[in-house]
Amino acid sequence: MLVLGISGLDRAAALKKRMMPGLDPREQRLVQGLDSAAALVDENGVIAASAQERHDGVKGTGAFPADAVAACLRMAGATLSDVDLVAHGFRYQPSAAFELDDYLRRWYREAYSEGVQLDVLRSHYPDQDWERKLVRVPHHLAHAASTYHLSGFADALVLVADGMGETESTSLFSGHDGRLETLRTYPIGSSLGILYSVVTQYLGFLPGMDEYKVMGLAPYGDIGSFPDAGLVTLRPDGGLSVPLLACDKTPEERETHRGAIRRLEELFGPARHPDAPITQRHMDIAAVLQRSLEQSLLYVLDGAPGKAYRDLCMAGGVALNCTANGLIARSGRFDRMFVQPASGDDGTALGAALHVLRSHVPAVPAAMGMPYWGEEFGATEIEAALATLGPGHRVRHLPGEALLAETSDLIAAGKVVAWFQGRMEFGPRALGNRSILADPTAPDMRAHLNAVVKQREEFRPFAPAVVAEEAGEYFEIEPGEEGLYRHMLVVARVRDKYRDELPSITHVDGSARVQVVDRELAPRFHALIRRFGDDHRTPVVLNTSFNLRGQPIVRTPQEAVATYARSALDALAIGDWLVGREPAGGSDE
């Protein structure tokens, strides 16, 4: 059975612009249905998955993922007619709630309803029987399926937390022998995801995209600076309330969160303009928010109804908060934990497809490896891309160990190397196939990358990638826990004796968003890090995504070469080729 999953709400962003013209970009992003993607699965597992932003270049786009669908079918050698069912990660139903005001009526009628989704599909693929083929999957169920069915846990508690699904913001599921059952849901008015996004907006960042910046800012802050903030109330019945969200009293405020922003200004002072400096006050607010999130997640998990669970699966946008994930992992509440690497709404394409597949073909969950489910390119495409380079670049063909040795030496010499290999990752993290690599022992490398290469805020940390066999030496990772850190979604402590030795990946609080690299699952990336460790003492590299400011992670060789050429990157290792910049004055050969 072949099932295609899709995410996103194609008409939502345009509808908001029509309803509320003139909003600033941050307010315009307050819309359901972004991060559109496609995924293709069958009885043997995940065949392909790709986010639409990697194709059209619009970060976080909610446009119908036509390019991503085409790429998934291309990777499978299939056509849409070969697909048995198409699963969509939303299932809005008519209800009295959509009759409360004109905004809500229009949202349902013009963006959310089943009729709209059928119209969108027909506009792209008019020759399919969409009344039979389309299966709409509730949003949080799609999130839950995306993590449970890839976890390898037969019996698990599943936590989904995001901004909102159709009617809920947080959900707990029981996963048992391949089936999911809802245990408890929390309404939108208690949304931890919306709370985090509103404070992200208040701090001058893009909501729905820059929450990870706030997470990175939090360790610089003092949680005692605002002891009476009261961002979340933990209720005796196990529920949550977020008083801030009740401050959005009108439909216009609900669409912009201006009421909540005003309340934040009463609590914390003026909102930060996006171009204004970041002060200690902003750091303290980020710290208070992060602590509130962590306490709330632990409270929800402790209040899970039913039996005690020893395994935990997580998904939803809040599950991308790797600091909170690290706290949960260290809490001792669970023996094992799995966070699906595409936990944002792009992952609901995958989850919707898995839910529909497993509804027809039941199976106990099998553990996934690496999410290398995107496109791969051969020598012909790479050579064609390299041919577009202008003068000033040196291209060498270095197969096998030669490429590893040269790349290792460049990194050790303080160079910044783009690394483009194999199939593209699915999800927001570069996991060694579309990466920028550097020496984590260089004291000034973090500042150099932030200022010159990535052109981003100075406070933001970078992640380390370490070979699995030595992960416990450098990081507080116990034997047998290495798999939890495979997808760069859980923070670990850098061991005290290595914090000074690894300054460019050690955050201000001594933590790191570590990626543990397994020899079998990521052989070439593992071989490079192993070579770097053997040649230069430390089997750890700094790993960040291969993109520049405002750009999605590169997908094709053409994008890789063009991004390298216009950047301050020192070199590009692409397939079996190594590209470097000629010194001023021409070649030295």
Protein backbone atom coordinates (compact mmCIF):
# COMPACT_ATOMS: atom_id res chain seq x y z
CA MET A 1 0.00 0.00 0.00
CA LEU A 2 1.37 3.40 -1.04
CA VAL A 3 0.25 6.47 0.94
CA LEU A 4 1.18 10.08 0.26
CA GLY A 5 1.00 12.56 3.14
CA ILE A 6 0.77 16.33 2.82
CA SER A 7 0.80 19.21 5.29
CA GLY A 8 -0.03 22.91 5.10
CA LEU A 9 -3.14 24.96 4.36
CA ASP A 10 -2.56 26.44 0.93
CA ARG A 11 -5.00 29.35 1.12
CA ALA A 12 -4.57 30.46 4.73
CA ALA A 13 -1.77 33.01 4.37
CA ALA A 14 -3.38 34.73 1.40
CA LEU A 15 -6.73 34.85 3.20
CA LYS A 16 -5.19 36.57 6.19
CA LYS A 17 -3.65 39.21 3.92
CA ARG A 18 -7.07 39.86 2.38
CA MET A 19 -8.82 40.04 5.74
CA MET A 20 -6.17 42.16 7.45
CA PRO A 21 -4.02 44.04 4.93
CA GLY A 22 -1.07 46.01 6.21
CA LEU A 23 0.04 43.70 9.01
CA ASP A 24 3.74 43.58 9.77
CA PRO A 25 5.57 40.34 8.85
CA ARG A 26 5.48 39.03 12.40
CA GLU A 27 1.70 39.43 12.66
CA GLN A 28 1.23 37.96 9.20
CA ARG A 29 2.97 34.76 10.35
CA LEU A 30 0.28 34.21 12.98
CA VAL A 31 -1.61 31.85 10.71
CA GLN A 32 -2.45 28.15 10.75
CA GLY A 33 -1.08 25.83 8.08
CA LEU A 34 2.54 26.84 7.46
CA ASP A 35 5.47 24.42 6.94
CA SER A 36 3.91 22.48 4.09
CA ALA A 37 5.59 19.24 3.08
CA ALA A 38 5.03 15.86 1.47
CA ALA A 39 5.94 12.32 2.52
CA LEU A 40 5.53 8.93 0.89
CA VAL A 41 5.29 5.68 2.88
CA ASP A 42 4.52 2.03 2.31
CA GLU A 43 4.53 -1.16 4.37
CA ASN A 44 8.33 -1.13 4.49
CA GLY A 45 8.59 2.36 5.97
CA VAL A 46 9.33 5.88 4.82
CA ILE A 47 10.28 6.11 1.16
CA ALA A 48 10.69 9.87 0.78
CA ALA A 49 9.89 13.16 2.51
CA SER A 50 10.55 16.77 1.59
CA ALA A 51 9.51 20.23 2.78
CA GLN A 52 8.12 22.63 0.19
CA GLU A 53 10.39 25.45 1.42
CA ARG A 54 13.41 23.56 0.09
CA HIS A 55 11.91 23.78 -3.39
CA ASP A 56 10.43 27.28 -3.59
CA GLY A 57 12.93 29.01 -1.28
CA VAL A 58 10.26 30.54 1.00
CA LYS A 59 11.08 29.61 4.60
CA GLY A 60 8.12 28.11 6.41
CA THR A 61 5.83 28.36 3.40
CA GLY A 62 2.29 27.04 3.64
CA ALA A 63 1.83 26.84 -0.11
CA PHE A 64 0.52 23.57 -1.47
CA PRO A 65 3.59 21.26 -1.61
CA ALA A 66 3.37 20.46 -5.31
CA ASP A 67 7.15 20.47 -5.76
CA ALA A 68 7.66 18.32 -2.68
CA VAL A 69 5.00 15.87 -3.89
CA ALA A 70 6.72 15.63 -7.28
CA ALA A 71 10.07 15.04 -5.61
CA CYS A 72 8.71 12.25 -3.40
CA LEU A 73 7.08 10.53 -6.36
CA ARG A 74 10.28 10.94 -8.37
CA MET A 75 12.36 9.36 -5.61
CA ALA A 76 9.95 6.43 -5.47
CA GLY A 77 9.74 6.02 -9.23
CA ALA A 78 5.97 6.36 -8.93
CA THR A 79 3.14 8.51 -10.23
CA LEU A 80 0.19 9.94 -8.35
CA SER A 81 -1.99 7.25 -9.94
CA ASP A 82 0.13 4.65 -8.11
CA VAL A 83 -0.75 6.22 -4.76
CA ASP A 84 -3.62 4.48 -2.99
CA LEU A 85 -4.56 7.29 -0.58
CA VAL A 86 -3.50 10.86 0.17
CA ALA A 87 -3.50 11.88 3.83
CA HIS A 88 -3.70 15.50 4.95
CA GLY A 89 -2.58 16.53 8.45
CA PHE A 90 -5.67 18.63 9.25
CA ARG A 91 -9.31 17.73 9.73
CA TYR A 92 -11.42 20.77 10.46
CA GLN A 93 -15.13 20.06 10.92
CA PRO A 94 -18.08 22.51 10.84
CA SER A 95 -19.01 23.69 14.32
CA ALA A 96 -20.73 26.52 16.16
CA ALA A 97 -17.29 27.90 17.05
CA PHE A 98 -16.83 29.00 13.45
CA GLU A 99 -20.02 31.06 13.61
CA LEU A 100 -18.87 33.40 16.41
CA ASP A 101 -17.61 36.18 14.12
CA ASP A 102 -16.88 36.93 10.48
CA TYR A 103 -13.19 36.11 10.75
CA LEU A 104 -13.91 32.60 11.99
CA ARG A 105 -16.60 32.04 9.39
CA ARG A 106 -14.19 33.05 6.63
CA TRP A 107 -11.37 30.92 8.04
CA TYR A 108 -13.51 27.83 7.85
CA ARG A 109 -15.23 28.63 4.57
CA GLU A 110 -12.14 29.81 2.65
CA ALA A 111 -9.18 27.98 4.22
CA TYR A 112 -10.05 25.08 6.51
CA SER A 113 -13.03 23.14 5.18
CA GLU A 114 -12.94 19.83 3.38
CA GLY A 115 -14.34 21.51 0.28
CA VAL A 116 -11.40 23.91 0.16
CA GLN A 117 -8.89 21.06 0.45
CA LEU A 118 -10.61 19.19 -2.37
CA ASP A 119 -10.59 22.32 -4.54
CA VAL A 120 -6.86 22.79 -3.92
CA LEU A 121 -6.10 19.20 -4.88
CA ARG A 122 -8.28 19.37 -8.00
CA SER A 123 -6.54 22.56 -9.10
CA HIS A 124 -3.19 20.75 -9.09
CA TYR A 125 -4.27 17.23 -10.11
CA PRO A 126 -7.66 17.33 -11.89
CA ASP A 127 -7.56 13.72 -13.07
CA GLN A 128 -7.76 12.06 -9.63
CA ASP A 129 -10.81 10.85 -7.71
CA TRP A 130 -10.22 13.04 -4.67
CA GLU A 131 -13.51 12.27 -2.91
CA ARG A 132 -12.26 8.69 -2.61
CA LYS A 133 -8.53 9.30 -2.32
CA LEU A 134 -8.28 12.11 0.25
CA VAL A 135 -8.21 11.16 3.94
CA ARG A 136 -8.12 14.02 6.44
CA VAL A 137 -6.34 13.20 9.69
CA PRO A 138 -6.79 15.30 12.86
CA HIS A 139 -3.74 17.47 13.34
CA HIS A 140 -2.59 16.19 16.72
CA LEU A 141 -3.22 12.59 15.70
CA ALA A 142 -0.95 13.17 12.70
CA HIS A 143 1.74 14.55 15.02
CA ALA A 144 1.31 11.59 17.37
CA ALA A 145 1.50 9.05 14.55
CA SER A 146 4.66 10.70 13.20
CA THR A 147 6.53 9.94 16.40
CA TYR A 148 4.90 6.77 17.74
CA HIS A 149 5.10 4.75 14.52
CA LEU A 150 8.82 5.56 14.11
CA SER A 151 9.84 5.14 17.76
CA GLY A 152 10.32 1.41 18.05
CA PHE A 153 8.25 1.51 21.27
CA ALA A 154 5.31 -0.89 21.33
CA ASP A 155 3.89 0.69 24.49
CA ALA A 156 4.41 4.42 25.07
CA LEU A 157 2.96 7.70 26.27
CA VAL A 158 2.78 10.18 23.38
CA LEU A 159 2.92 13.91 24.04
CA VAL A 160 1.93 16.38 21.32
CA ALA A 161 2.36 20.08 22.09
CA ASP A 162 2.23 22.91 19.57
CA GLY A 163 0.43 26.18 18.94
CA MET A 164 -2.87 24.60 18.05
CA GLY A 165 -4.53 21.79 16.19
CA GLU A 166 -8.15 22.09 15.18
CA THR A 167 -9.45 22.55 18.74
CA GLU A 168 -6.56 21.58 21.03
CA SER A 169 -3.08 22.80 21.91
CA THR A 170 -1.63 19.85 23.85
CA SER A 171 -2.63 16.20 23.66
CA LEU A 172 -1.66 13.00 25.41
CA PHE A 173 -2.06 9.66 23.64
CA SER A 174 -1.52 6.07 24.61
CA GLY A 175 0.41 4.07 22.03
CA HIS A 176 -0.06 0.31 22.32
CA ASP A 177 0.77 -2.41 19.80
CA GLY A 178 0.58 -0.04 16.86
CA ARG A 179 -2.61 1.77 17.88
CA LEU A 180 -3.08 5.28 19.27
CA GLU A 181 -5.78 6.28 21.76
CA THR A 182 -6.41 9.82 23.02
CA LEU A 183 -5.98 10.16 26.79
CA ARG A 184 -6.39 13.90 27.36
CA THR A 185 -6.45 17.14 25.40
CA TYR A 186 -5.87 20.73 26.46
CA PRO A 187 -7.78 23.59 24.79
CA ILE A 188 -6.28 26.34 22.69
CA GLY A 189 -6.67 28.82 25.54
CA SER A 190 -3.97 26.90 27.44
CA SER A 191 -1.56 26.70 24.51
CA LEU A 192 2.11 26.53 25.51
CA GLY A 193 3.08 26.87 21.86
CA ILE A 194 1.09 30.08 21.36
CA LEU A 195 2.49 31.46 24.63
CA TYR A 196 6.04 30.84 23.43
CA SER A 197 5.26 32.38 20.04
CA VAL A 198 3.65 35.50 21.54
CA VAL A 199 6.68 36.13 23.75
CA THR A 200 8.89 35.47 20.72
CA GLN A 201 6.92 38.18 18.91
CA TYR A 202 7.17 40.52 21.92
CA LEU A 203 10.96 40.04 21.95
CA GLY A 204 11.18 41.24 18.34
CA PHE A 205 11.56 37.89 16.59
CA LEU A 206 9.38 36.07 14.06
CA PRO A 207 6.70 33.94 15.77
CA GLY A 208 6.39 30.44 14.42
CA MET A 209 9.99 30.52 13.23
CA ASP A 210 12.35 32.12 15.75
CA GLU A 211 11.34 30.38 18.96
CA TYR A 212 14.69 28.59 18.96
CA LYS A 213 16.36 31.99 19.25
CA VAL A 214 14.45 32.66 22.45
CA MET A 215 15.46 29.21 23.72
CA GLY A 216 19.09 30.07 22.98
CA LEU A 217 18.74 33.44 24.71
CA ALA A 218 17.21 32.00 27.89
CA PRO A 219 20.42 30.69 29.53
CA TYR A 220 21.77 34.25 29.64
CA GLY A 221 18.81 35.37 31.78
CA ASP A 222 17.90 35.38 35.46
CA ILE A 223 14.58 33.70 36.23
CA GLY A 224 14.40 35.60 39.51
CA SER A 225 14.07 38.96 37.79
CA PHE A 226 10.32 38.58 37.27
CA PRO A 227 9.09 36.32 40.08
CA ASP A 228 5.42 37.27 39.66
CA ALA A 229 5.15 36.88 35.89
CA GLY A 230 2.54 34.10 36.15
CA LEU A 231 2.77 33.09 32.50
CA VAL A 232 1.20 29.67 33.15
CA THR A 233 -1.12 28.55 35.95
CA LEU A 234 -0.92 24.88 36.90
CA ARG A 235 -4.41 23.88 38.00
CA PRO A 236 -5.14 21.29 40.71
CA ASP A 237 -7.11 19.15 38.25
CA GLY A 238 -4.03 18.70 36.06
CA GLY A 239 -5.07 21.40 33.63
CA LEU A 240 -3.20 24.47 32.49
CA SER A 241 -4.24 28.04 31.91
CA VAL A 242 -2.33 30.77 30.11
CA PRO A 243 -3.86 34.04 31.37
CA LEU A 244 -2.01 36.04 28.74
CA LEU A 245 -4.10 34.57 25.92
CA ALA A 246 -7.33 35.78 27.51
CA CYS A 247 -6.10 39.35 26.90
CA ASP A 248 -6.86 38.95 23.18
CA LYS A 249 -10.51 39.96 23.53
CA THR A 250 -11.52 41.04 20.00
CA PRO A 251 -11.29 39.12 16.74
CA GLU A 252 -8.60 41.56 15.58
CA GLU A 253 -6.55 40.96 18.73
CA ARG A 254 -6.95 37.22 18.32
CA GLU A 255 -5.45 37.48 14.82
CA THR A 256 -2.51 39.66 15.93
CA HIS A 257 -2.12 38.99 19.68
CA ARG A 258 -1.95 42.73 20.27
CA GLY A 259 -3.94 42.34 23.48
CA ALA A 260 -1.45 39.78 24.76
CA ILE A 261 1.46 41.99 23.72
CA ARG A 262 -0.02 44.89 25.69
CA ARG A 263 -0.25 42.65 28.75
CA LEU A 264 3.38 41.60 28.30
CA GLU A 265 4.36 45.27 28.22
CA GLU A 266 2.53 45.77 31.50
CA LEU A 267 4.42 42.84 33.00
CA PHE A 268 7.87 43.33 31.51
CA GLY A 269 8.11 46.77 29.91
CA PRO A 270 8.15 47.88 26.27
CA ALA A 271 8.27 45.28 23.52
CA ARG A 272 11.56 45.05 21.68
CA HIS A 273 11.75 46.42 18.14
CA PRO A 274 13.30 43.81 15.81
CA ASP A 275 16.30 46.05 15.11
CA ALA A 276 16.85 47.15 18.72
CA PRO A 277 19.71 45.76 20.82
CA ILE A 278 19.07 42.74 23.01
CA THR A 279 19.39 43.72 26.66
CA GLN A 280 19.61 41.83 29.94
CA ARG A 281 15.87 42.45 30.42
CA HIS A 282 15.13 40.53 27.23
CA MET A 283 17.37 37.68 28.38
CA ASP A 284 15.56 37.55 31.73
CA ILE A 285 12.16 37.40 30.00
CA ALA A 286 13.38 34.55 27.80
CA ALA A 287 14.59 32.69 30.89
CA VAL A 288 11.23 33.10 32.65
CA LEU A 289 9.40 31.86 29.56
CA GLN A 290 11.66 28.84 29.15
CA ARG A 291 11.28 27.86 32.80
CA SER A 292 7.48 28.20 32.54
CA LEU A 293 7.45 25.90 29.52
CA GLU A 294 9.62 23.29 31.19
CA GLN A 295 7.56 23.23 34.39
CA SER A 296 4.32 23.00 32.41
CA LEU A 297 5.49 20.08 30.27
CA LEU A 298 6.61 18.13 33.33
CA TYR A 299 3.25 18.88 34.97
CA VAL A 300 1.34 17.59 31.96
CA LEU A 301 3.45 14.43 31.85
CA ASP A 302 3.07 13.80 35.58
CA GLY A 303 -0.70 14.15 35.24
CA ALA A 304 -1.08 11.71 32.37
CA PRO A 305 -4.13 9.52 33.07
CA GLY A 306 -4.02 5.76 33.14
CA LYS A 307 -1.06 3.55 33.86
CA ALA A 308 2.52 4.61 34.40
CA TYR A 309 4.47 4.64 31.14
CA ARG A 310 8.19 3.99 30.89
CA ASP A 311 8.61 5.12 27.27
CA LEU A 312 7.79 8.58 25.92
CA CYS A 313 7.29 9.83 22.34
CA MET A 314 7.07 13.53 21.52
CA ALA A 315 6.10 15.66 18.52
CA GLY A 316 4.60 19.06 17.73
CA GLY A 317 6.43 22.35 17.44
CA VAL A 318 7.08 22.53 21.20
CA ALA A 319 8.99 19.25 20.91
CA LEU A 320 11.66 21.14 18.94
CA ASN A 321 12.61 22.86 22.22
CA CYS A 322 15.69 20.74 22.84
CA THR A 323 16.38 22.36 26.22
CA ALA A 324 13.01 21.22 27.57
CA ASN A 325 13.59 17.82 25.96
CA GLY A 326 16.89 17.52 27.79
CA LEU A 327 15.22 18.34 31.10
CA ILE A 328 12.57 15.67 30.51
CA ALA A 329 15.23 13.13 29.53
CA ARG A 330 17.23 13.83 32.71
CA SER A 331 14.16 13.84 34.99
CA GLY A 332 14.11 10.06 35.38
CA ARG A 333 10.41 9.89 34.60
CA PHE A 334 10.96 7.62 31.58
CA ASP A 335 13.34 4.83 30.67
CA ARG A 336 13.36 5.72 26.98
CA MET A 337 12.37 8.78 24.98
CA PHE A 338 11.98 9.50 21.28
CA VAL A 339 11.48 12.88 19.63
CA GLN A 340 10.52 12.73 15.97
CA PRO A 341 13.10 14.85 14.07
CA ALA A 342 10.52 16.71 11.95
CA SER A 343 8.33 17.59 14.92
CA GLY A 344 6.95 20.78 13.39
CA ASP A 345 4.01 20.87 11.02
CA ASP A 346 6.11 19.53 8.15
CA GLY A 347 6.13 16.28 10.12
CA THR A 348 2.34 16.01 10.01
CA ALA A 349 2.66 15.06 6.35
CA LEU A 350 4.68 12.08 7.50
CA GLY A 351 2.39 11.36 10.44
CA ALA A 352 -0.82 11.58 8.45
CA ALA A 353 0.58 9.12 5.92
CA LEU A 354 1.75 6.72 8.65
CA HIS A 355 -1.59 6.89 10.44
CA VAL A 356 -3.52 6.01 7.29
CA LEU A 357 -1.05 3.27 6.36
CA ARG A 358 -1.15 1.66 9.80
CA SER A 359 -4.94 1.90 9.91
CA HIS A 360 -4.99 -0.39 6.87
CA VAL A 361 -1.79 -2.39 7.49
CA PRO A 362 -1.26 -2.66 11.27
CA ALA A 363 2.26 -3.15 12.59
CA VAL A 364 4.14 -2.69 15.84
CA PRO A 365 6.36 0.43 15.56
CA ALA A 366 9.86 -0.05 14.22
CA ALA A 367 12.66 2.33 15.19
CA MET A 368 13.72 4.76 12.48
CA GLY A 369 17.32 5.56 11.69
CA MET A 370 18.30 8.88 10.18
CA PRO A 371 15.73 11.03 8.32
CA TYR A 372 17.73 11.00 5.10
CA TRP A 373 14.53 10.90 3.05
CA GLY A 374 15.15 13.73 0.61
CA GLU A 375 16.72 13.87 -2.80
CA GLU A 376 20.20 12.62 -3.70
CA PHE A 377 22.21 13.80 -6.68
CA GLY A 378 24.83 12.04 -8.74
CA ALA A 379 28.09 13.00 -10.35
CA THR A 380 26.44 14.41 -13.48
CA GLU A 381 24.35 16.95 -11.55
CA ILE A 382 27.29 17.89 -9.33
CA GLU A 383 29.65 18.41 -12.25
CA ALA A 384 27.06 20.54 -14.04
CA ALA A 385 26.70 22.74 -10.97
CA LEU A 386 30.46 23.07 -10.54
CA ALA A 387 30.76 24.17 -14.16
CA THR A 388 28.83 27.32 -13.29
CA LEU A 389 31.58 28.57 -10.96
CA GLY A 390 33.39 31.65 -12.15
CA PRO A 391 37.11 32.30 -11.82
CA GLY A 392 38.79 32.27 -8.44
CA HIS A 393 37.87 28.73 -7.40
CA ARG A 394 39.87 25.52 -7.41
CA VAL A 395 37.93 22.28 -8.02
CA ARG A 396 39.51 18.91 -7.26
CA HIS A 397 38.10 15.40 -7.61
CA LEU A 398 39.01 13.53 -4.41
CA PRO A 399 37.24 10.19 -4.07
CA GLY A 400 37.15 8.17 -0.89
CA GLU A 401 39.62 8.83 1.90
CA ALA A 402 41.27 11.68 0.03
CA LEU A 403 38.21 13.91 0.47
CA LEU A 404 37.97 13.04 4.16
CA ALA A 405 41.65 13.80 4.77
CA GLU A 406 41.58 17.13 2.96
CA THR A 407 38.33 18.22 4.61
CA SER A 408 39.62 17.23 8.04
CA ASP A 409 42.79 19.27 7.54
CA LEU A 410 40.84 22.30 6.34
CA ILE A 411 38.61 22.22 9.43
CA ALA A 412 41.65 21.85 11.69
CA ALA A 413 43.25 24.84 9.97
CA GLY A 414 40.32 27.02 11.02
CA LYS A 415 38.47 26.91 7.70
CA VAL A 416 34.69 26.74 7.38
CA VAL A 417 33.62 23.93 5.04
CA ALA A 418 30.19 23.31 3.51
CA TRP A 419 29.43 19.58 3.37
CA PHE A 420 26.91 18.34 0.76
CA GLN A 421 26.48 14.56 0.65
CA GLY A 422 23.84 11.91 0.00
CA ARG A 423 20.12 12.33 0.57
CA MET A 424 18.77 15.53 2.08
CA GLU A 425 17.52 15.46 5.67
CA PHE A 426 13.82 15.87 6.47
CA GLY A 427 13.15 18.30 9.30
CA PRO A 428 14.76 21.53 10.47
CA ARG A 429 18.15 20.11 11.47
CA ALA A 430 21.15 19.55 9.22
CA LEU A 431 22.37 16.12 10.30
CA GLY A 432 25.51 15.72 8.26
CA ASN A 433 24.28 15.72 4.66
CA ARG A 434 23.55 19.44 4.16
CA SER A 435 25.86 20.95 6.78
CA ILE A 436 28.45 23.65 7.41
CA LEU A 437 31.33 22.29 9.48
CA ALA A 438 34.04 23.95 11.54
CA ASP A 439 36.50 23.33 14.38
CA PRO A 440 34.74 23.42 17.77
CA THR A 441 38.06 23.97 19.57
CA ALA A 442 38.69 27.35 17.90
CA PRO A 443 37.83 30.04 20.49
CA ASP A 444 36.63 32.61 17.96
CA MET A 445 34.80 30.24 15.58
CA ARG A 446 31.34 30.84 17.02
CA ALA A 447 31.65 34.62 16.66
CA HIS A 448 33.11 34.25 13.16
CA LEU A 449 30.29 32.00 11.97
CA ASN A 450 27.56 34.15 13.49
CA ALA A 451 28.93 37.41 12.15
CA VAL A 452 30.46 36.52 8.80
CA VAL A 453 29.03 33.26 7.50
CA LYS A 454 25.53 32.85 8.92
CA GLN A 455 24.98 36.58 9.57
CA ARG A 456 22.89 36.01 12.68
CA GLU A 457 22.68 37.08 16.31
CA GLU A 458 25.89 36.73 18.31
CA PHE A 459 24.28 34.96 21.27
CA ARG A 460 23.12 31.95 19.29
CA PRO A 461 24.96 28.68 19.98
CA PHE A 462 26.15 26.08 17.52
CA ALA A 463 25.74 22.32 17.76
CA PRO A 464 28.45 19.67 18.00
CA ALA A 465 28.46 16.39 16.13
CA VAL A 466 30.38 13.59 17.85
CA VAL A 467 31.02 9.97 16.95
CA ALA A 468 28.77 7.65 18.94
CA GLU A 469 31.61 5.60 20.41
CA GLU A 470 33.05 8.65 22.17
CA ALA A 471 29.89 10.65 22.91
CA GLY A 472 29.99 9.80 26.61
CA GLU A 473 33.56 10.98 26.91
CA TYR A 474 32.78 14.55 25.90
CA PHE A 475 29.14 14.89 26.93
CA GLU A 476 27.04 13.73 29.88
CA ILE A 477 25.49 10.89 27.88
CA GLU A 478 25.25 7.50 29.54
CA PRO A 479 26.02 4.24 27.68
CA GLY A 480 22.91 3.12 25.82
CA GLU A 481 21.47 6.66 25.57
CA GLU A 482 23.30 7.61 22.38
CA GLY A 483 20.25 7.08 20.17
CA LEU A 484 18.30 9.78 22.00
CA TYR A 485 20.79 12.37 20.73
CA ARG A 486 20.92 11.12 17.14
CA HIS A 487 18.72 13.86 15.68
CA MET A 488 20.05 16.96 17.47
CA LEU A 489 16.85 17.46 19.46
CA VAL A 490 18.01 17.00 23.05
CA VAL A 491 20.45 19.15 24.99
CA ALA A 492 23.24 17.46 26.95
CA ARG A 493 25.81 18.88 29.33
CA VAL A 494 29.37 19.23 28.08
CA ARG A 495 31.62 17.48 30.56
CA ASP A 496 33.46 19.96 32.75
CA LYS A 497 36.93 19.01 31.58
CA TYR A 498 36.05 19.72 27.92
CA ARG A 499 34.16 23.00 28.22
CA ASP A 500 37.25 25.12 27.73
CA GLU A 501 38.48 22.80 24.99
CA LEU A 502 35.19 23.07 23.04
CA PRO A 503 34.35 26.77 23.35
CA SER A 504 32.54 27.18 20.05
CA ILE A 505 29.85 24.58 20.82
CA THR A 506 29.52 25.03 24.59
CA HIS A 507 26.65 27.34 25.47
CA VAL A 508 26.83 29.81 28.33
CA ASP A 509 25.17 27.31 30.70
CA GLY A 510 27.56 24.49 29.80
CA SER A 511 25.10 22.72 27.52
CA ALA A 512 25.19 21.69 23.87
CA ARG A 513 22.56 20.57 21.36
CA VAL A 514 24.60 17.52 20.52
CA GLN A 515 24.26 15.17 17.55
CA VAL A 516 25.58 11.66 18.15
CA VAL A 517 26.69 10.17 14.83
CA ASP A 518 26.41 6.43 14.34
CA ARG A 519 28.79 4.60 11.99
CA GLU A 520 26.07 2.43 10.44
CA LEU A 521 23.42 5.12 10.02
CA ALA A 522 25.60 7.99 8.74
CA PRO A 523 28.74 6.28 7.44
CA ARG A 524 30.38 9.12 5.52
CA PHE A 525 29.72 11.79 8.12
CA HIS A 526 30.93 9.45 10.83
CA ALA A 527 34.06 8.70 8.82
CA LEU A 528 34.83 12.40 8.47
CA ILE A 529 34.45 13.11 12.20
CA ARG A 530 36.44 9.97 13.03
CA ARG A 531 39.21 11.13 10.68
CA PHE A 532 39.18 14.59 12.24
CA GLY A 533 39.51 13.03 15.69
CA ASP A 534 42.31 10.68 14.62
CA ASP A 535 44.26 13.44 12.89
CA HIS A 536 43.54 16.34 15.22
CA ARG A 537 42.70 14.79 18.62
CA THR A 538 39.02 15.67 19.07
CA PRO A 539 36.32 13.53 17.35
CA VAL A 540 33.84 16.41 17.47
CA VAL A 541 32.98 18.95 14.78
CA LEU A 542 30.79 22.03 14.85
CA ASN A 543 27.75 21.31 12.68
CA THR A 544 25.28 23.93 11.48
CA SER A 545 22.87 23.97 8.56
CA PHE A 546 24.06 24.71 5.04
CA ASN A 547 22.19 27.94 4.39
CA LEU A 548 22.64 31.66 4.80
CA ARG A 549 20.42 34.20 6.56
CA GLY A 550 16.80 33.97 5.37
CA GLN A 551 17.47 30.95 3.16
CA PRO A 552 16.15 27.39 3.64
CA ILE A 553 18.74 24.64 3.83
CA VAL A 554 20.14 23.98 0.36
CA ARG A 555 18.61 21.12 -1.60
CA THR A 556 20.40 20.77 -4.95
CA PRO A 557 24.02 20.91 -6.13
CA GLN A 558 23.16 24.13 -7.98
CA GLU A 559 21.97 25.75 -4.74
CA ALA A 560 24.98 24.42 -2.86
CA VAL A 561 27.47 25.84 -5.36
CA ALA A 562 25.68 29.18 -5.67
CA THR A 563 25.41 29.55 -1.88
CA TYR A 564 29.08 28.74 -1.42
CA ALA A 565 30.12 31.17 -4.17
CA ARG A 566 28.30 34.16 -2.70
CA SER A 567 29.23 33.44 0.91
CA ALA A 568 32.31 33.69 3.13
CA LEU A 569 32.61 29.91 3.25
CA ASP A 570 36.18 28.73 2.71
CA ALA A 571 35.43 25.46 0.94
CA LEU A 572 32.72 23.16 -0.34
CA ALA A 573 32.91 19.36 -0.16
CA ILE A 574 30.22 18.14 -2.54
CA GLY A 575 30.06 14.48 -3.48
CA ASP A 576 33.66 13.53 -4.29
CA TRP A 577 34.70 17.07 -5.16
CA LEU A 578 36.38 19.68 -3.01
CA VAL A 579 36.08 23.33 -4.00
CA GLY A 580 38.29 26.02 -2.51
CA ARG A 581 39.02 29.66 -3.18
CA GLU A 582 42.13 30.62 -5.09
CA PRO A 583 44.38 33.01 -3.21
CA ALA A 584 44.40 36.62 -4.38
CA GLY A 585 46.50 36.89 -7.50
CA GLY A 586 45.49 33.53 -8.94
CA SER A 587 46.55 29.91 -8.59
CA ASP A 588 49.74 28.98 -6.78
CA GLU A 589 50.23 25.98 -9.03
